[in-house]
Amino acid sequence: MVDELLAGHGRFRGEFATREHEFLAGLAARGQRPTAVYIGCSDSRVIPELLTDSAPGQLFVVRNVANHVPARSDRDRSVAAAIEFAVGQLGVTDIIVCGHDGCGGVQAVLDDLAGLDPESDLARWLDGLRPAVERARAWSPDPAAQLARAVEEHVLDGLATLAEEWIERLRPGAGQIRLHGWVYDLGDASLRVFDGARDRFVPLVELRS
């Protein structure tokens, strides 16, 4: 499999990198100036640059299991460090938290972490999803509906954590920083976007119609 990846790099060098040589050289010379931070799941089926049709240099991407945004009290500092760098050093003003339907991390919490060592790093990480999962359980008795709802609720928890614990600390009085909640549907490659006015996630095609 690694040989296939290396062969793919060869094709990248021979095709895209050759065709876009000046563009890539400019990126290297100027440094990065991303337009948004994208906090998403590590799921190999969800590729931020692909689903947003973004070019190199447009997105500052942070990915982890279940697109989790830990509280400041959490022992993990990697997400916080990435946000601090993007907002404080690169001046990014748009932050996206993007979940996806059928998320395995969310499902694991719905299954009460069955089969996981409760002391493992994965179990400790997924503990942060419990508030969203409990709200989803209270919302519907249907397992499929619970999963879809928990994915959305966890995105909203991420936005709340950013708003309440990080943004003011990173840039005091930072009213210009905009937060966005998305959910990606793996089945039909569509996005639902959180609409604050309607207080719910709305299909992107509906927002644009």
Foldseek 3Di string as FASTA:
>chain_A
DVVVVVVVVVVCCVPVCVVCVVVVVVCVVPDAQEQEEEQEEPPPLDDPCVLVVHDPRHYQYHYYQLSADDAPPDPDCPVVVSVLCCCQPNVHQEYEREYEQPRPLLVCVLVVVPPDDCPDPSNVVSVRLVVLLVVLVVVDVDPNSSRVSSSQSRQVVNVVSCVPHNDCVSPNPSPRRHYWYWYAYSVPSWIWTQDPVVRGTHTPVVVVD
